[in-house]
Amino acid sequence: MTDKLNEKSLISALESRYNNSKVILEQYDFGVYAIYFEDEANGISTRDDLYDTLDDAKEFCKEDYSILENSWEEISAHNPIMVKG
C-alpha cells in the first residue's frame, strides 16, 4: 500500500482492537502516527502521537495499552486519517 497524499507516502496501516477501543498505526516515510479510538463504535479519535519508527509506536502501545506484537493486523484498504489530500 503506497498512497501519495500531500507528497507524503502512506507505506502501511495496522490496526489492533482491545476492549471497546482500537489503535491504528499509519506508517509514512517520515514516521508513524498512532491514532487512538477510546470508543471504537463512535469512530472519533481521542489521541494521536507521532513516532520515529513502527517499532517505537508498537512499544508505546505495548506499554500503555498492553497491545502485544501478534495482535496487529494489516489494513489493506485504508483511507489515511492523519495526512489527507
N, C-alpha and C. Protein backbone atom coordinates (compact mmCIF):
# COMPACT_ATOMS: atom_id res chain seq x y z
N MET A 1 0.85 -1.18 0.00
CA MET A 1 0.00 0.00 0.00
C MET A 1 0.89 1.23 0.00
N THR A 2 0.83 2.01 -1.04
CA THR A 2 1.54 3.28 -1.07
C THR A 2 0.65 4.30 -1.74
N ASP A 3 0.10 5.22 -0.97
CA ASP A 3 -0.74 6.29 -1.49
C ASP A 3 0.00 7.60 -1.29
N LYS A 4 0.04 8.45 -2.32
CA LYS A 4 0.67 9.75 -2.21
C LYS A 4 -0.37 10.78 -1.79
N LEU A 5 -0.13 11.42 -0.68
CA LEU A 5 -1.01 12.49 -0.19
C LEU A 5 -0.14 13.63 0.28
N ASN A 6 -0.34 14.81 -0.27
CA ASN A 6 0.48 15.97 0.08
C ASN A 6 1.97 15.62 0.01
N GLU A 7 2.32 14.82 -1.00
CA GLU A 7 3.70 14.38 -1.20
C GLU A 7 4.23 13.50 -0.07
N LYS A 8 3.36 12.96 0.75
CA LYS A 8 3.74 12.02 1.82
C LYS A 8 3.24 10.64 1.44
N SER A 9 4.05 9.63 1.61
CA SER A 9 3.68 8.27 1.21
C SER A 9 3.19 7.47 2.41
N LEU A 10 1.96 6.98 2.32
CA LEU A 10 1.46 6.03 3.31
C LEU A 10 2.01 4.67 2.91
N ILE A 11 2.84 4.12 3.77
CA ILE A 11 3.50 2.85 3.47
C ILE A 11 2.63 1.68 3.90
N SER A 12 2.09 1.76 5.10
CA SER A 12 1.23 0.68 5.59
C SER A 12 0.34 1.21 6.71
N ALA A 13 -0.68 0.43 7.02
CA ALA A 13 -1.56 0.75 8.14
C ALA A 13 -1.85 -0.54 8.89
N LEU A 14 -1.76 -0.46 10.21
CA LEU A 14 -2.03 -1.59 11.08
C LEU A 14 -3.11 -1.20 12.07
N GLU A 15 -3.83 -2.20 12.55
CA GLU A 15 -4.91 -1.95 13.50
C GLU A 15 -4.89 -3.02 14.58
N SER A 16 -5.22 -2.59 15.80
CA SER A 16 -5.39 -3.53 16.89
C SER A 16 -6.59 -3.07 17.72
N ARG A 17 -7.40 -4.03 18.10
CA ARG A 17 -8.59 -3.75 18.92
C ARG A 17 -8.39 -4.33 20.31
N TYR A 18 -8.89 -3.61 21.31
CA TYR A 18 -8.85 -4.09 22.68
C TYR A 18 -10.03 -3.49 23.42
N ASN A 19 -10.68 -4.31 24.25
CA ASN A 19 -11.92 -3.88 24.93
C ASN A 19 -12.86 -3.29 23.89
N ASN A 20 -13.32 -2.07 24.06
CA ASN A 20 -14.16 -1.40 23.06
C ASN A 20 -13.37 -0.35 22.29
N SER A 21 -12.05 -0.42 22.38
CA SER A 21 -11.17 0.59 21.79
C SER A 21 -10.36 -0.01 20.65
N LYS A 22 -9.68 0.89 19.91
CA LYS A 22 -8.76 0.42 18.88
C LYS A 22 -7.66 1.46 18.67
N VAL A 23 -6.57 0.99 18.09
CA VAL A 23 -5.45 1.84 17.70
C VAL A 23 -5.13 1.53 16.26
N ILE A 24 -4.92 2.57 15.48
CA ILE A 24 -4.46 2.43 14.10
C ILE A 24 -3.08 3.04 14.02
N LEU A 25 -2.14 2.32 13.42
CA LEU A 25 -0.81 2.83 13.15
C LEU A 25 -0.70 3.11 11.66
N GLU A 26 -0.45 4.36 11.31
CA GLU A 26 -0.25 4.75 9.91
C GLU A 26 1.23 5.04 9.73
N GLN A 27 1.88 4.22 8.91
CA GLN A 27 3.31 4.38 8.67
C GLN A 27 3.54 5.17 7.39
N TYR A 28 4.24 6.29 7.53
CA TYR A 28 4.60 7.15 6.40
C TYR A 28 6.12 7.13 6.25
N ASP A 29 6.62 7.75 5.19
CA ASP A 29 8.06 7.80 5.01
C ASP A 29 8.75 8.70 6.03
N PHE A 30 8.01 9.53 6.74
CA PHE A 30 8.59 10.43 7.74
C PHE A 30 8.37 9.97 9.19
N GLY A 31 7.57 8.92 9.41
CA GLY A 31 7.30 8.45 10.76
C GLY A 31 5.98 7.69 10.83
N VAL A 32 5.56 7.40 12.05
CA VAL A 32 4.36 6.59 12.27
C VAL A 32 3.40 7.33 13.21
N TYR A 33 2.19 7.52 12.75
CA TYR A 33 1.14 8.06 13.61
C TYR A 33 0.41 6.92 14.30
N ALA A 34 0.25 7.03 15.60
CA ALA A 34 -0.59 6.12 16.37
C ALA A 34 -1.86 6.89 16.69
N ILE A 35 -2.98 6.38 16.22
CA ILE A 35 -4.27 7.05 16.36
C ILE A 35 -5.15 6.21 17.27
N TYR A 36 -5.60 6.80 18.37
CA TYR A 36 -6.33 6.08 19.40
C TYR A 36 -7.82 6.39 19.34
N PHE A 37 -8.61 5.36 19.42
CA PHE A 37 -10.06 5.49 19.45
C PHE A 37 -10.55 4.86 20.75
N GLU A 38 -10.90 5.70 21.72
CA GLU A 38 -11.34 5.19 23.02
C GLU A 38 -12.61 4.37 22.91
N ASP A 39 -13.53 4.83 22.06
CA ASP A 39 -14.78 4.12 21.81
C ASP A 39 -14.84 3.81 20.31
N GLU A 40 -14.52 2.59 19.97
CA GLU A 40 -14.45 2.19 18.56
C GLU A 40 -15.75 2.47 17.81
N ALA A 41 -16.88 2.33 18.49
CA ALA A 41 -18.19 2.48 17.85
C ALA A 41 -18.43 3.90 17.33
N ASN A 42 -17.95 4.93 18.04
CA ASN A 42 -18.24 6.29 17.59
C ASN A 42 -17.28 6.79 16.54
N GLY A 43 -16.15 6.11 16.35
CA GLY A 43 -15.23 6.45 15.27
C GLY A 43 -14.48 7.75 15.42
N ILE A 44 -14.48 8.32 16.62
CA ILE A 44 -13.79 9.59 16.86
C ILE A 44 -12.49 9.31 17.61
N SER A 45 -11.38 9.76 17.03
CA SER A 45 -10.10 9.54 17.71
C SER A 45 -9.98 10.48 18.91
N THR A 46 -9.37 9.96 19.96
CA THR A 46 -9.21 10.74 21.19
C THR A 46 -7.78 11.19 21.40
N ARG A 47 -6.86 10.65 20.59
CA ARG A 47 -5.45 10.99 20.76
C ARG A 47 -4.70 10.51 19.53
N ASP A 48 -3.65 11.25 19.18
CA ASP A 48 -2.73 10.77 18.16
C ASP A 48 -1.32 11.21 18.52
N ASP A 49 -0.39 10.35 18.25
CA ASP A 49 1.02 10.61 18.54
C ASP A 49 1.85 10.25 17.32
N LEU A 50 2.96 10.94 17.13
CA LEU A 50 3.86 10.67 16.03
C LEU A 50 5.14 10.05 16.59
N TYR A 51 5.55 8.92 16.01
CA TYR A 51 6.76 8.20 16.41
C TYR A 51 7.72 8.13 15.25
N ASP A 52 9.00 7.98 15.55
CA ASP A 52 10.01 7.88 14.52
C ASP A 52 9.91 6.58 13.73
N THR A 53 9.60 5.49 14.44
CA THR A 53 9.59 4.18 13.78
C THR A 53 8.35 3.39 14.18
N LEU A 54 8.06 2.36 13.40
CA LEU A 54 6.96 1.46 13.70
C LEU A 54 7.22 0.72 15.01
N ASP A 55 8.46 0.32 15.23
CA ASP A 55 8.81 -0.36 16.48
C ASP A 55 8.57 0.53 17.70
N ASP A 56 8.90 1.83 17.59
CA ASP A 56 8.65 2.77 18.69
C ASP A 56 7.16 2.87 19.00
N ALA A 57 6.36 2.96 17.96
CA ALA A 57 4.90 3.08 18.14
C ALA A 57 4.34 1.81 18.78
N LYS A 58 4.78 0.66 18.30
CA LYS A 58 4.29 -0.61 18.86
C LYS A 58 4.73 -0.77 20.31
N GLU A 59 5.94 -0.35 20.63
CA GLU A 59 6.44 -0.46 22.00
C GLU A 59 5.61 0.42 22.94
N PHE A 60 5.29 1.64 22.52
CA PHE A 60 4.45 2.50 23.34
C PHE A 60 3.08 1.87 23.56
N CYS A 61 2.50 1.33 22.51
CA CYS A 61 1.18 0.69 22.61
C CYS A 61 1.23 -0.53 23.54
N LYS A 62 2.33 -1.23 23.50
CA LYS A 62 2.50 -2.38 24.39
C LYS A 62 2.55 -1.92 25.85
N GLU A 63 3.32 -0.87 26.12
CA GLU A 63 3.48 -0.38 27.48
C GLU A 63 2.21 0.27 28.03
N ASP A 64 1.56 1.09 27.22
CA ASP A 64 0.40 1.85 27.71
C ASP A 64 -0.94 1.13 27.57
N TYR A 65 -1.06 0.28 26.56
CA TYR A 65 -2.34 -0.36 26.28
C TYR A 65 -2.29 -1.89 26.31
N SER A 66 -1.12 -2.43 26.62
CA SER A 66 -0.93 -3.90 26.67
C SER A 66 -1.26 -4.57 25.35
N ILE A 67 -0.97 -3.90 24.24
CA ILE A 67 -1.20 -4.48 22.92
C ILE A 67 0.05 -5.26 22.53
N LEU A 68 -0.12 -6.55 22.35
CA LEU A 68 1.00 -7.42 22.03
C LEU A 68 1.31 -7.39 20.54
N GLU A 69 2.54 -7.73 20.20
CA GLU A 69 3.02 -7.71 18.82
C GLU A 69 2.13 -8.52 17.88
N ASN A 70 1.67 -9.67 18.32
CA ASN A 70 0.89 -10.54 17.44
C ASN A 70 -0.57 -10.13 17.28
N SER A 71 -0.98 -9.04 17.92
CA SER A 71 -2.37 -8.60 17.80
C SER A 71 -2.58 -7.54 16.72
N TRP A 72 -1.52 -7.12 16.04
CA TRP A 72 -1.64 -6.14 14.97
C TRP A 72 -2.03 -6.83 13.67
N GLU A 73 -2.99 -6.22 12.96
CA GLU A 73 -3.42 -6.72 11.66
C GLU A 73 -3.27 -5.62 10.62
N GLU A 74 -2.78 -5.99 9.46
CA GLU A 74 -2.64 -5.01 8.39
C GLU A 74 -4.02 -4.66 7.83
N ILE A 75 -4.21 -3.39 7.55
CA ILE A 75 -5.45 -2.91 6.92
C ILE A 75 -5.12 -2.70 5.45
N SER A 76 -5.67 -3.55 4.60
CA SER A 76 -5.30 -3.49 3.19
C SER A 76 -5.95 -2.31 2.45
N ALA A 77 -7.18 -2.00 2.75
CA ALA A 77 -7.87 -0.88 2.10
C ALA A 77 -8.14 0.18 3.15
N HIS A 78 -7.15 1.06 3.35
CA HIS A 78 -7.24 2.06 4.42
C HIS A 78 -7.20 3.46 3.84
N ASN A 79 -8.14 4.28 4.23
CA ASN A 79 -8.11 5.70 3.88
C ASN A 79 -7.34 6.43 4.97
N PRO A 80 -6.22 7.06 4.62
CA PRO A 80 -5.39 7.73 5.62
C PRO A 80 -6.19 8.74 6.46
N ILE A 81 -5.88 8.78 7.72
CA ILE A 81 -6.55 9.68 8.65
C ILE A 81 -5.73 10.94 8.90
N MET A 82 -4.42 10.79 9.11
CA MET A 82 -3.60 11.91 9.54
C MET A 82 -3.10 12.79 8.40
N VAL A 83 -2.78 12.23 7.27
CA VAL A 83 -2.28 13.02 6.14
C VAL A 83 -3.26 12.86 5.00
N LYS A 84 -4.03 13.90 4.77
CA LYS A 84 -5.09 13.84 3.75
C LYS A 84 -4.77 14.80 2.60
N GLY A 85 -5.26 14.46 1.44
CA GLY A 85 -5.03 15.28 0.25
C GLY A 85 -6.00 16.41 0.16
